[in-house]
C-alpha atoms as a PDB file:
ATOM      1  CA  MET A   1      -5.715  18.166  -6.897  1.00  0.00           C
ATOM      2  CA  LEU A   2      -8.212  16.643  -4.448  1.00  0.00           C
ATOM      3  CA  THR A   3      -7.517  17.187  -0.761  1.00  0.00           C
ATOM      4  CA  HIS A   4      -6.921  14.143   1.409  1.00  0.00           C
ATOM      5  CA  GLU A   5     -10.215  14.678   3.206  1.00  0.00           C
ATOM      6  CA  THR A   6     -12.090  14.825  -0.107  1.00  0.00           C
ATOM      7  CA  SER A   7     -10.316  11.698  -1.336  1.00  0.00           C
ATOM      8  CA  LEU A   8     -11.424   9.836   1.786  1.00  0.00           C
ATOM      9  CA  ASP A   9     -14.957  11.244   1.695  1.00  0.00           C
ATOM     10  CA  ASN A  10     -15.251   9.984  -1.899  1.00  0.00           C
ATOM     11  CA  PHE A  11     -13.383   6.722  -1.332  1.00  0.00           C
ATOM     12  CA  THR A  12     -16.111   4.519  -2.806  1.00  0.00           C
ATOM     13  CA  GLU A  13     -15.722   6.159  -6.215  1.00  0.00           C
ATOM     14  CA  GLN A  14     -12.354   4.411  -6.574  1.00  0.00           C
ATOM     15  CA  PHE A  15     -14.080   1.010  -6.438  1.00  0.00           C
ATOM     16  CA  GLN A  16     -16.805   2.219  -8.788  1.00  0.00           C
ATOM     17  CA  TYR A  17     -14.212   3.497 -11.265  1.00  0.00           C
ATOM     18  CA  VAL A  18     -12.378   0.167 -11.353  1.00  0.00           C
ATOM     19  CA  LEU A  19     -15.614  -1.781 -11.750  1.00  0.00           C
ATOM     20  CA  GLU A  20     -16.642   0.459 -14.659  1.00  0.00           C
ATOM     21  CA  ASN A  21     -13.237   0.546 -16.385  1.00  0.00           C
ATOM     22  CA  TYR A  22     -11.836  -2.944 -15.946  1.00  0.00           C
ATOM     23  CA  SER A  23     -11.633  -5.004 -19.130  1.00  0.00           C
ATOM     24  CA  SER A  24     -10.328  -8.523 -19.670  1.00  0.00           C
ATOM     25  CA  HIS A  25      -6.645  -9.112 -20.415  1.00  0.00           C
ATOM     26  CA  GLY A  26      -7.307 -12.668 -21.606  1.00  0.00           C
ATOM     27  CA  LEU A  27      -4.306 -14.237 -19.847  1.00  0.00           C
ATOM     28  CA  GLY A  28      -4.106 -17.390 -17.720  1.00  0.00           C
ATOM     29  CA  VAL A  29      -1.855 -18.279 -14.825  1.00  0.00           C
ATOM     30  CA  ASP A  30      -0.578 -21.357 -16.687  1.00  0.00           C
ATOM     31  CA  ASP A  31       0.984 -19.015 -19.256  1.00  0.00           C
ATOM     32  CA  PHE A  32       3.577 -17.850 -16.707  1.00  0.00           C
ATOM     33  CA  ASP A  33       6.286 -19.075 -14.359  1.00  0.00           C
ATOM     34  CA  ASN A  34       6.156 -16.032 -12.101  1.00  0.00           C
ATOM     35  CA  ILE A  35       4.664 -12.572 -11.602  1.00  0.00           C
ATOM     36  CA  ILE A  36       6.417  -9.275 -10.874  1.00  0.00           C
ATOM     37  CA  LEU A  37       4.431  -6.350  -9.474  1.00  0.00           C
ATOM     38  CA  GLY A  38       6.384  -3.095  -9.835  1.00  0.00           C
ATOM     39  CA  GLY A  39       5.765   0.331  -8.354  1.00  0.00           C
ATOM     40  CA  LEU A  40       6.838   2.720  -5.637  1.00  0.00           C
ATOM     41  CA  GLY A  41       5.243   4.770  -2.888  1.00  0.00           C
ATOM     42  CA  GLY A  42       1.512   5.229  -3.215  1.00  0.00           C
ATOM     43  CA  SER A  43       1.607   3.386  -6.536  1.00  0.00           C
ATOM     44  CA  GLY A  44       3.548   0.460  -5.114  1.00  0.00           C
ATOM     45  CA  ILE A  45       1.728  -0.319  -1.884  1.00  0.00           C
ATOM     46  CA  GLY A  46      -1.193  -1.940  -3.716  1.00  0.00           C
ATOM     47  CA  ALA A  47       1.261  -4.498  -5.115  1.00  0.00           C
ATOM     48  CA  VAL A  48       2.586  -5.309  -1.642  1.00  0.00           C
ATOM     49  CA  LEU A  49      -0.938  -5.678  -0.286  1.00  0.00           C
ATOM     50  CA  ALA A  50      -1.958  -7.908  -3.213  1.00  0.00           C
ATOM     51  CA  LYS A  51       1.092 -10.153  -2.909  1.00  0.00           C
ATOM     52  CA  ASN A  52       0.407 -10.689   0.776  1.00  0.00           C
ATOM     53  CA  TRP A  53      -3.298 -11.309   0.195  1.00  0.00           C
ATOM     54  CA  LEU A  54      -2.466 -13.958  -2.417  1.00  0.00           C
ATOM     55  CA  PHE A  55       0.235 -15.591  -0.249  1.00  0.00           C
ATOM     56  CA  ASP A  56      -1.749 -18.834   0.041  1.00  0.00           C
ATOM     57  CA  LYS A  57      -3.866 -18.458  -3.102  1.00  0.00           C
ATOM     58  CA  CYS A  58      -1.651 -17.945  -6.162  1.00  0.00           C
ATOM     59  CA  PRO A  59      -0.031 -21.133  -7.562  1.00  0.00           C
ATOM     60  CA  ILE A  60       3.032 -19.322  -8.963  1.00  0.00           C
ATOM     61  CA  PRO A  61       5.485 -16.968  -7.220  1.00  0.00           C
ATOM     62  CA  ILE A  62       4.675 -13.262  -6.935  1.00  0.00           C
ATOM     63  CA  GLU A  63       7.431 -10.741  -6.292  1.00  0.00           C
ATOM     64  CA  THR A  64       7.154  -7.008  -5.689  1.00  0.00           C
ATOM     65  CA  VAL A  65       9.866  -4.648  -6.901  1.00  0.00           C
ATOM     66  CA  ALA A  66      10.284  -1.070  -5.685  1.00  0.00           C
ATOM     67  CA  ASP A  67      13.616  -0.437  -7.371  1.00  0.00           C
ATOM     68  CA  TYR A  68      15.276   0.223 -10.743  1.00  0.00           C
ATOM     69  CA  HIS A  69      15.970  -3.403 -11.668  1.00  0.00           C
ATOM     70  CA  LEU A  70      14.104  -6.666 -12.170  1.00  0.00           C
ATOM     71  CA  PRO A  71      15.427  -9.950 -10.758  1.00  0.00           C
ATOM     72  CA  LYS A  72      17.699 -11.985 -13.014  1.00  0.00           C
ATOM     73  CA  TYR A  73      15.200 -14.825 -13.412  1.00  0.00           C
ATOM     74  CA  VAL A  74      12.614 -12.868 -15.441  1.00  0.00           C
ATOM     75  CA  SER A  75      11.860 -14.231 -18.893  1.00  0.00           C
ATOM     76  CA  ARG A  76       9.190 -14.414 -21.564  1.00  0.00           C
ATOM     77  CA  LYS A  77       7.262 -16.531 -19.049  1.00  0.00           C
ATOM     78  CA  THR A  78       7.125 -13.621 -16.574  1.00  0.00           C
ATOM     79  CA  LEU A  79       4.091 -11.355 -16.205  1.00  0.00           C
ATOM     80  CA  VAL A  80       5.127  -7.844 -15.183  1.00  0.00           C
ATOM     81  CA  VAL A  81       2.431  -5.473 -13.883  1.00  0.00           C
ATOM     82  CA  LEU A  82       3.665  -1.896 -13.489  1.00  0.00           C
ATOM     83  CA  ASN A  83       1.791   0.838 -11.647  1.00  0.00           C
ATOM     84  CA  SER A  84       2.742   4.522 -11.700  1.00  0.00           C
ATOM     85  CA  TYR A  85       0.051   7.111 -11.057  1.00  0.00           C
ATOM     86  CA  SER A  86       2.091   9.940 -12.566  1.00  0.00           C
ATOM     87  CA  GLY A  87       3.554   7.721 -15.259  1.00  0.00           C
ATOM     88  CA  ASN A  88       6.906   9.425 -14.727  1.00  0.00           C
ATOM     89  CA  THR A  89       8.379   7.489 -11.786  1.00  0.00           C
ATOM     90  CA  GLU A  90      11.956   6.900 -12.936  1.00  0.00           C
ATOM     91  CA  GLU A  91      12.371   3.552 -11.166  1.00  0.00           C
ATOM     92  CA  THR A  92       9.184   2.204 -12.761  1.00  0.00           C
ATOM     93  CA  LEU A  93      10.256   3.435 -16.187  1.00  0.00           C
ATOM     94  CA  SER A  94      13.530   1.554 -15.689  1.00  0.00           C
ATOM     95  CA  LEU A  95      11.565  -1.605 -14.839  1.00  0.00           C
ATOM     96  CA  PHE A  96       9.578  -1.159 -18.042  1.00  0.00           C
ATOM     97  CA  GLU A  97      12.717  -0.942 -20.166  1.00  0.00           C
ATOM     98  CA  GLU A  98      14.156  -4.113 -18.625  1.00  0.00           C
ATOM     99  CA  ALA A  99      10.875  -6.040 -18.867  1.00  0.00           C
ATOM    100  CA  ASN A 100      10.463  -5.004 -22.485  1.00  0.00           C
ATOM    101  CA  ALA A 101      14.051  -5.993 -23.311  1.00  0.00           C
ATOM    102  CA  GLU A 102      13.556  -9.442 -21.754  1.00  0.00           C
ATOM    103  CA  GLY A 103      10.323 -10.079 -23.642  1.00  0.00           C
ATOM    104  CA  CYS A 104       8.152 -10.225 -20.517  1.00  0.00           C
ATOM    105  CA  LYS A 105       4.406  -9.882 -20.823  1.00  0.00           C
ATOM    106  CA  ILE A 106       3.631  -6.381 -19.505  1.00  0.00           C
ATOM    107  CA  ILE A 107       0.441  -4.852 -18.142  1.00  0.00           C
ATOM    108  CA  ILE A 108       0.365  -1.145 -17.273  1.00  0.00           C
ATOM    109  CA  ILE A 109      -1.655   0.766 -14.664  1.00  0.00           C
ATOM    110  CA  THR A 110      -1.122   4.526 -14.948  1.00  0.00           C
ATOM    111  CA  GLY A 111      -2.587   7.992 -14.985  1.00  0.00           C
ATOM    112  CA  GLY A 112      -0.501   9.138 -17.952  1.00  0.00           C
ATOM    113  CA  GLY A 113       3.033  10.447 -18.434  1.00  0.00           C
ATOM    114  CA  LYS A 114       5.917   8.620 -20.110  1.00  0.00           C
ATOM    115  CA  LEU A 115       4.663   5.199 -19.007  1.00  0.00           C
ATOM    116  CA  LYS A 116       1.364   5.743 -20.820  1.00  0.00           C
ATOM    117  CA  GLU A 117       3.273   6.835 -23.931  1.00  0.00           C
ATOM    118  CA  LEU A 118       5.430   3.696 -23.808  1.00  0.00           C
ATOM    119  CA  ALA A 119       2.396   1.480 -23.264  1.00  0.00           C
ATOM    120  CA  THR A 120       0.626   3.007 -26.259  1.00  0.00           C
ATOM    121  CA  ALA A 121       3.727   2.777 -28.466  1.00  0.00           C
ATOM    122  CA  ASN A 122       4.128  -0.917 -27.583  1.00  0.00           C
ATOM    123  CA  ASN A 123       0.400  -1.733 -27.808  1.00  0.00           C
ATOM    124  CA  LEU A 124       0.263  -2.980 -24.197  1.00  0.00           C
ATOM    125  CA  LYS A 125      -2.782  -3.749 -22.121  1.00  0.00           C
ATOM    126  CA  THR A 126      -3.288  -0.581 -20.063  1.00  0.00           C
ATOM    127  CA  TYR A 127      -5.638   0.373 -17.259  1.00  0.00           C
ATOM    128  CA  ASP A 128      -6.007   4.155 -17.063  1.00  0.00           C
ATOM    129  CA  LEU A 129      -6.333   5.813 -13.653  1.00  0.00           C
ATOM    130  CA  LYS A 130      -8.561   8.770 -12.860  1.00  0.00           C
ATOM    131  CA  ASN A 131      -6.589  11.999 -12.527  1.00  0.00           C
ATOM    132  CA  GLY A 132      -6.777  14.626  -9.784  1.00  0.00           C
ATOM    133  CA  TYR A 133      -5.572  12.597  -6.778  1.00  0.00           C
ATOM    134  CA  GLN A 134      -2.437  12.633  -4.681  1.00  0.00           C
ATOM    135  CA  PRO A 135      -0.735   9.316  -5.588  1.00  0.00           C
ATOM    136  CA  ARG A 136      -0.674   8.209  -1.930  1.00  0.00           C
ATOM    137  CA  MET A 137      -4.475   8.496  -1.822  1.00  0.00           C
ATOM    138  CA  THR A 138      -5.072   6.075  -4.721  1.00  0.00           C
ATOM    139  CA  VAL A 139      -4.760   2.702  -2.984  1.00  0.00           C
ATOM    140  CA  GLY A 140      -8.391   1.979  -3.879  1.00  0.00           C
ATOM    141  CA  PHE A 141      -7.518   2.189  -7.571  1.00  0.00           C
ATOM    142  CA  GLY A 142      -4.212   0.308  -7.404  1.00  0.00           C
ATOM    143  CA  LEU A 143      -5.165  -2.598  -5.163  1.00  0.00           C
ATOM    144  CA  SER A 144      -8.525  -3.035  -6.903  1.00  0.00           C
ATOM    145  CA  PHE A 145      -7.047  -3.131 -10.404  1.00  0.00           C
ATOM    146  CA  ILE A 146      -4.296  -5.556  -9.351  1.00  0.00           C
ATOM    147  CA  THR A 147      -6.848  -7.760  -7.575  1.00  0.00           C
ATOM    148  CA  MET A 148      -8.990  -7.860 -10.714  1.00  0.00           C
ATOM    149  CA  ILE A 149      -5.974  -8.539 -12.964  1.00  0.00           C
ATOM    150  CA  LEU A 150      -4.638 -11.406 -10.848  1.00  0.00           C
ATOM    151  CA  GLY A 151      -8.103 -12.726 -10.085  1.00  0.00           C
ATOM    152  CA  GLU A 152      -8.833 -13.087 -13.793  1.00  0.00           C
ATOM    153  CA  LEU A 153      -5.425 -14.670 -14.257  1.00  0.00           C
ATOM    154  CA  MET A 154      -6.388 -17.393 -11.747  1.00  0.00           C
ATOM    155  CA  GLU A 155      -9.970 -17.703 -13.074  1.00  0.00           C
ATOM    156  CA  ASP A 156     -11.288 -16.259  -9.810  1.00  0.00           C
ATOM    157  CA  ASP A 157     -13.429 -13.272 -10.759  1.00  0.00           C
ATOM    158  CA  GLN A 158     -13.076 -10.560  -8.103  1.00  0.00           C
ATOM    159  CA  ARG A 159     -15.840  -8.319  -9.436  1.00  0.00           C
ATOM    160  CA  PRO A 160     -18.453  -9.579  -6.918  1.00  0.00           C
ATOM    161  CA  VAL A 161     -15.928  -9.034  -4.115  1.00  0.00           C
ATOM    162  CA  LEU A 162     -15.245  -5.439  -5.168  1.00  0.00           C
ATOM    163  CA  GLU A 163     -18.962  -4.773  -5.593  1.00  0.00           C
ATOM    164  CA  SER A 164     -19.542  -6.030  -2.055  1.00  0.00           C
ATOM    165  CA  ILE A 165     -16.726  -3.842  -0.710  1.00  0.00           C
ATOM    166  CA  LYS A 166     -18.127  -0.799  -2.506  1.00  0.00           C
ATOM    167  CA  ASN A 167     -21.572  -1.446  -1.029  1.00  0.00           C
ATOM    168  CA  HIS A 168     -19.998  -1.870   2.408  1.00  0.00           C
ATOM    169  CA  PHE A 169     -18.251   1.493   2.187  1.00  0.00           C
ATOM    170  CA  ASP A 170     -21.378   3.144   0.801  1.00  0.00           C
ATOM    171  CA  SER A 171     -23.255   2.118   3.946  1.00  0.00           C
ATOM    172  CA  GLN A 172     -20.471   2.291   6.551  1.00  0.00           C
ATOM    173  CA  LEU A 173     -18.375   5.306   5.520  1.00  0.00           C
ATOM    174  CA  GLY A 174     -19.517   7.467   8.438  1.00  0.00           C
ATOM    175  CA  ARG A 175     -18.889   4.717  10.972  1.00  0.00           C
ATOM    176  CA  LEU A 176     -15.398   4.103   9.609  1.00  0.00           C
ATOM    177  CA  GLN A 177     -14.613   7.828   9.698  1.00  0.00           C
ATOM    178  CA  GLU A 178     -15.716   7.929  13.347  1.00  0.00           C
ATOM    179  CA  SER A 179     -13.470   4.962  14.091  1.00  0.00           C
ATOM    180  CA  GLY A 180     -10.492   6.866  12.658  1.00  0.00           C
ATOM    181  CA  SER A 181     -11.414   9.844  14.840  1.00  0.00           C
ATOM    182  CA  ARG A 182     -11.593   7.673  17.968  1.00  0.00           C
ATOM    183  CA  ILE A 183      -8.146   6.236  17.261  1.00  0.00           C
ATOM    184  CA  PHE A 184      -6.849   9.800  16.904  1.00  0.00           C
ATOM    185  CA  ASP A 185      -8.440  10.766  20.233  1.00  0.00           C
ATOM    186  CA  PHE A 186      -6.530   7.908  21.865  1.00  0.00           C
ATOM    187  CA  PHE A 187      -3.205   9.304  20.630  1.00  0.00           C
ATOM    188  CA  LYS A 188      -4.024  13.032  20.618  1.00  0.00           C
ATOM    189  CA  ASN A 189      -2.023  13.841  23.766  1.00  0.00           C
ATOM    190  CA  THR A 190       1.036  11.968  22.452  1.00  0.00           C
ATOM    191  CA  ALA A 191       0.676  13.019  18.807  1.00  0.00           C
ATOM    192  CA  ARG A 192       4.308  14.092  18.440  1.00  0.00           C
ATOM    193  CA  ASN A 193       5.701  10.709  19.480  1.00  0.00           C
ATOM    194  CA  LYS A 194       6.954   8.233  16.941  1.00  0.00           C
ATOM    195  CA  PHE A 195       4.654   5.348  16.050  1.00  0.00           C
ATOM    196  CA  VAL A 196       5.587   1.678  16.155  1.00  0.00           C
ATOM    197  CA  ILE A 197       3.114  -0.679  14.522  1.00  0.00           C
ATOM    198  CA  VAL A 198       3.536  -4.286  15.590  1.00  0.00           C
ATOM    199  CA  SER A 199       1.715  -6.609  13.200  1.00  0.00           C
ATOM    200  CA  ASP A 200       1.407 -10.205  12.134  1.00  0.00           C
ATOM    201  CA  ARG A 201       2.244 -11.345   8.614  1.00  0.00           C
ATOM    202  CA  GLU A 202      -1.298 -10.794   7.380  1.00  0.00           C
ATOM    203  CA  PHE A 203      -1.482  -7.123   8.301  1.00  0.00           C
ATOM    204  CA  ALA A 204       2.190  -6.193   7.801  1.00  0.00           C
ATOM    205  CA  PRO A 205       1.603  -4.412   4.438  1.00  0.00           C
ATOM    206  CA  ILE A 206      -1.195  -2.356   6.025  1.00  0.00           C
ATOM    207  CA  ALA A 207       1.197  -1.405   8.814  1.00  0.00           C
ATOM    208  CA  THR A 208       3.702  -0.334   6.157  1.00  0.00           C
ATOM    209  CA  ARG A 209       1.000   1.640   4.349  1.00  0.00           C
ATOM    210  CA  PHE A 210       0.176   3.475   7.583  1.00  0.00           C
ATOM    211  CA  THR A 211       3.805   4.390   8.247  1.00  0.00           C
ATOM    212  CA  GLN A 212       4.043   5.775   4.704  1.00  0.00           C
ATOM    213  CA  GLN A 213       0.990   7.940   5.363  1.00  0.00           C
ATOM    214  CA  LEU A 214       2.437   9.058   8.695  1.00  0.00           C
ATOM    215  CA  ASN A 215       5.678  10.034   6.973  1.00  0.00           C
ATOM    216  CA  GLU A 216       4.164  11.943   4.056  1.00  0.00           C
ATOM    217  CA  ASN A 217       0.986  13.320   5.597  1.00  0.00           C
ATOM    218  CA  SER A 218       1.846  13.883   9.256  1.00  0.00           C
ATOM    219  CA  LYS A 219       5.643  14.252   8.885  1.00  0.00           C
ATOM    220  CA  LEU A 220       6.060  11.747  11.727  1.00  0.00           C
ATOM    221  CA  GLU A 221       8.331   8.755  12.190  1.00  0.00           C
ATOM    222  CA  GLY A 222       6.718   5.351  11.822  1.00  0.00           C
ATOM    223  CA  PHE A 223       8.209   1.874  12.117  1.00  0.00           C
ATOM    224  CA  VAL A 224       6.912  -1.662  11.603  1.00  0.00           C
ATOM    225  CA  ASN A 225       7.834  -4.770  13.588  1.00  0.00           C
ATOM    226  CA  ILE A 226       6.389  -8.113  12.524  1.00  0.00           C
ATOM    227  CA  LEU A 227       5.610 -11.065  14.776  1.00  0.00           C
ATOM    228  CA  PRO A 228       6.795 -13.681  15.370  1.00  0.00           C
ATOM    229  CA  GLU A 229      10.197 -12.464  14.071  1.00  0.00           C
ATOM    230  CA  ALA A 230      10.306  -9.340  16.260  1.00  0.00           C
ATOM    231  CA  ASN A 231       9.833 -11.512  19.353  1.00  0.00           C
ATOM    232  CA  HIS A 232      13.251 -12.958  18.662  1.00  0.00           C
ATOM    233  CA  ASN A 233      15.046  -9.594  18.825  1.00  0.00           C
ATOM    234  CA  VAL A 234      13.216  -6.250  19.043  1.00  0.00           C
ATOM    235  CA  ILE A 235      11.279  -7.199  22.152  1.00  0.00           C
ATOM    236  CA  GLU A 236      14.453  -6.804  24.224  1.00  0.00           C
ATOM    237  CA  SER A 237      14.443  -3.066  23.452  1.00  0.00           C
ATOM    238  CA  TYR A 238      10.961  -2.602  24.935  1.00  0.00           C
ATOM    239  CA  ILE A 239      12.083  -1.545  28.403  1.00  0.00           C
ATOM    240  CA  ASP A 240      10.656   1.143  30.685  1.00  0.00           C
ATOM    241  CA  LYS A 241       8.267   3.818  29.430  1.00  0.00           C
ATOM    242  CA  MET A 242       9.071   5.025  25.916  1.00  0.00           C
ATOM    243  CA  ASN A 243       8.127   8.084  23.882  1.00  0.00           C
ATOM    244  CA  THR A 244       6.349   5.794  21.473  1.00  0.00           C
ATOM    245  CA  ASN A 245       2.785   5.241  20.307  1.00  0.00           C
ATOM    246  CA  PHE A 246       2.248   1.511  19.868  1.00  0.00           C
ATOM    247  CA  ILE A 247      -0.429   0.029  17.603  1.00  0.00           C
ATOM    248  CA  MET A 248      -0.888  -3.748  17.753  1.00  0.00           C
ATOM    249  CA  LEU A 249      -2.414  -4.751  14.411  1.00  0.00           C
ATOM    250  CA  TYR A 250      -3.147  -8.436  14.039  1.00  0.00           C
ATOM    251  CA  SER A 251      -5.582 -11.105  12.892  1.00  0.00           C
ATOM    252  CA  THR A 252      -6.957 -14.225  14.538  1.00  0.00           C
ATOM    253  CA  LYS A 253      -5.433 -16.655  12.052  1.00  0.00           C
ATOM    254  CA  ASN A 254      -2.683 -18.078  14.254  1.00  0.00           C
ATOM    255  CA  PRO A 255      -3.382 -18.709  17.975  1.00  0.00           C
ATOM    256  CA  ARG A 256       0.339 -18.862  18.745  1.00  0.00           C
ATOM    257  CA  VAL A 257       0.881 -15.413  17.215  1.00  0.00           C
ATOM    258  CA  GLU A 258      -2.179 -14.109  19.073  1.00  0.00           C
ATOM    259  CA  ALA A 259      -0.611 -15.281  22.320  1.00  0.00           C
ATOM    260  CA  ARG A 260       2.544 -13.363  21.469  1.00  0.00           C
ATOM    261  CA  PHE A 261       0.507 -10.185  21.079  1.00  0.00           C
ATOM    262  CA  ASP A 262      -1.208 -10.803  24.428  1.00  0.00           C
ATOM    263  CA  PHE A 263       2.177 -11.095  26.109  1.00  0.00           C
ATOM    264  CA  LEU A 264       3.611  -8.018  24.392  1.00  0.00           C
ATOM    265  CA  ILE A 265       0.596  -5.814  25.137  1.00  0.00           C
ATOM    266  CA  SER A 266       0.737  -6.763  28.836  1.00  0.00           C
ATOM    267  CA  HIS A 267       4.485  -6.221  28.957  1.00  0.00           C
ATOM    268  CA  LEU A 268       4.249  -2.712  27.461  1.00  0.00           C
ATOM    269  CA  GLU A 269       1.230  -1.675  29.504  1.00  0.00           C
ATOM    270  CA  LEU A 270       2.975  -2.633  32.752  1.00  0.00           C
ATOM    271  CA  GLU A 271       5.349   0.282  32.074  1.00  0.00           C
ATOM    272  CA  ASN A 272       2.426   2.602  31.203  1.00  0.00           C
ATOM    273  CA  ASN A 273       3.244   2.727  27.492  1.00  0.00           C
ATOM    274  CA  LYS A 274       0.656   4.026  25.049  1.00  0.00           C
ATOM    275  CA  VAL A 275      -0.694   0.844  23.413  1.00  0.00           C
ATOM    276  CA  LEU A 276      -3.713   0.485  21.138  1.00  0.00           C
ATOM    277  CA  PRO A 277      -4.663  -3.129  20.327  1.00  0.00           C
ATOM    278  CA  LEU A 278      -6.362  -3.499  16.933  1.00  0.00           C
ATOM    279  CA  GLN A 279      -7.268  -7.155  16.550  1.00  0.00           C
ATOM    280  CA  ILE A 280      -9.156  -7.704  13.298  1.00  0.00           C
ATOM    281  CA  PRO A 281     -11.332 -10.854  13.402  1.00  0.00           C
ATOM    282  CA  GLU A 282     -11.297 -11.434   9.638  1.00  0.00           C
ATOM    283  CA  TYR A 283      -8.508 -11.190   7.098  1.00  0.00           C
ATOM    284  CA  THR A 284     -10.390 -10.342   3.916  1.00  0.00           C
ATOM    285  CA  LEU A 285     -10.083  -7.742   1.178  1.00  0.00           C
ATOM    286  CA  GLN A 286     -12.865  -5.834   2.897  1.00  0.00           C
ATOM    287  CA  SER A 287     -11.062  -5.829   6.246  1.00  0.00           C
ATOM    288  CA  ILE A 288      -7.856  -4.759   4.483  1.00  0.00           C
ATOM    289  CA  PHE A 289      -9.592  -1.723   2.998  1.00  0.00           C
ATOM    290  CA  ASP A 290     -11.393  -1.031   6.306  1.00  0.00           C
ATOM    291  CA  VAL A 291      -8.186  -0.779   8.303  1.00  0.00           C
ATOM    292  CA  ILE A 292      -6.396   1.217   5.602  1.00  0.00           C
ATOM    293  CA  TYR A 293      -9.269   3.692   5.536  1.00  0.00           C
ATOM    294  CA  ARG A 294      -9.407   4.165   9.309  1.00  0.00           C
ATOM    295  CA  LEU A 295      -5.637   4.600   9.595  1.00  0.00           C
ATOM    296  CA  ASP A 296      -5.582   7.018   6.661  1.00  0.00           C
ATOM    297  CA  TRP A 297      -7.988   9.192   8.636  1.00  0.00           C
ATOM    298  CA  LEU A 298      -5.698   8.893  11.651  1.00  0.00           C
ATOM    299  CA  SER A 299      -2.768  10.234   9.594  1.00  0.00           C
ATOM    300  CA  VAL A 300      -4.938  13.141   8.395  1.00  0.00           C
ATOM    301  CA  HIS A 301      -6.102  14.021  11.927  1.00  0.00           C
ATOM    302  CA  LEU A 302      -2.521  13.862  13.197  1.00  0.00           C
ATOM    303  CA  ALA A 303      -1.328  16.137  10.391  1.00  0.00           C
ATOM    304  CA  ASN A 304      -4.038  18.672  11.134  1.00  0.00           C
ATOM    305  CA  GLU A 305      -3.334  18.525  14.876  1.00  0.00           C
ATOM    306  CA  LEU A 306       0.381  19.141  14.310  1.00  0.00           C
ATOM    307  CA  GLY A 307      -0.072  21.758  11.593  1.00  0.00           C
ATOM    308  CA  SER A 308       1.586  19.609   8.932  1.00  0.00           C
ATOM    309  CA  ASP A 309       0.881  20.305   5.265  1.00  0.00           C
ATOM    310  CA  LEU A 310      -0.953  17.251   3.982  1.00  0.00           C
ATOM    311  CA  MET A 311      -0.485  18.145   0.339  1.00  0.00           C
ATOM    312  CA  ASP A 312       3.151  19.216   0.342  1.00  0.00           C
ATOM    313  CA  VAL A 313       6.167  16.879   0.432  1.00  0.00           C
ATOM    314  CA  PRO A 314       9.038  19.362  -0.027  1.00  0.00           C
ATOM    315  CA  ILE A 315      11.935  17.010   0.714  1.00  0.00           C
ATOM    316  CA  ILE A 316      10.692  14.430  -1.797  1.00  0.00           C
ATOM    317  CA  THR A 317      10.236  17.238  -4.319  1.00  0.00           C
ATOM    318  CA  ASN A 318      13.780  18.487  -3.640  1.00  0.00           C
ATOM    319  CA  LEU A 319      15.141  14.971  -4.101  1.00  0.00           C
ATOM    320  CA  LYS A 320      13.458  14.652  -7.491  1.00  0.00           C
ATOM    321  CA  GLU A 321      14.946  17.986  -8.555  1.00  0.00           C
ATOM    322  CA  PHE A 322      18.353  16.851  -7.315  1.00  0.00           C
ATOM    323  CA  LEU A 323      18.142  13.615  -9.294  1.00  0.00           C
ATOM    324  CA  GLY A 324      16.956  15.532 -12.342  1.00  0.00           C
ATOM    325  CA  ASN A 325      20.023  17.751 -12.153  1.00  0.00           C
ATOM    326  CA  LEU A 326      22.230  14.669 -11.872  1.00  0.00           C
ATOM    327  CA  GLU A 327      20.771  13.399 -15.152  1.00  0.00           C
ATOM    328  CA  ILE A 328      21.661  16.718 -16.816  1.00  0.00           C
ATOM    329  CA  ILE A 329      25.217  16.496 -15.482  1.00  0.00           C
ATOM    330  CA  ASP A 330      25.539  12.919 -16.764  1.00  0.00           C
ATOM    331  CA  GLU A 331      24.432  14.011 -20.227  1.00  0.00           C
ATOM    332  CA  GLU A 332      26.935  16.882 -20.255  1.00  0.00           C
ATOM    333  CA  GLU A 333      29.756  14.562 -19.190  1.00  0.00           C
END
């Protein structure tokens, strides 16, 4: 299993792999009424990122599901794209069974396991993932494959975009790594504090991705508040100096939302809170991957600073064993 540092050092190979292994599915957006993107954890975040990216681009509704069940409205006119790196995620397998029973069109992204077996048995379009990674370090595979799948669906080929992103990372990897290190230096003295990421709609899934990495890699608490909604409630809890590391992650798309960030940053800094503004001038697939990459490095540096085991997630492992034992009990009953 590749270490997190190795995964990040070799990040561009995820784009290269997708470019080399993507093949046409031959479907069109007019064939469907809606799209469901299913997956959990490191295999699900690509779906959330893609849905948000296509917010104002896709002509039919896209829903993400990180659960056991599909919405009631699915039908033969629903495209279901399921991603499970292990291929054994029980919630995703449940989604497959429901989608198959309802006659949905199904596309699979997986590294093997039961999901791969089901895809092969049902002759489904499948995109195989490269093995050897921690699932939470495979966002380059997941988001890229989903972008290509949905791009083709809408007759908007994303291959040139991914090629450009790969070339960008090939030339800028060192600079982006240094940026992650500088962000860590900013928070090094308060590394044990919880993190609150305040974002706009555009960057909310990236904020969620970062909190997931904080949780699993650094074993730290992370929370996301989204503007403008959080200005109507959470802001009243921002009083005095708090044991919190604040990251303000936002775009330049809405001047009114920008103004809200200006106010909030000033308000928090007046009480000497630890606040890092990260305003990203462009909201593009490249900027999405840029920020993810820099914040992934931050989670790695924090883990190493705190002595956390990047590779081990014992509580998640214990939960899976617990659920496995429940299945055995159910069978015996």
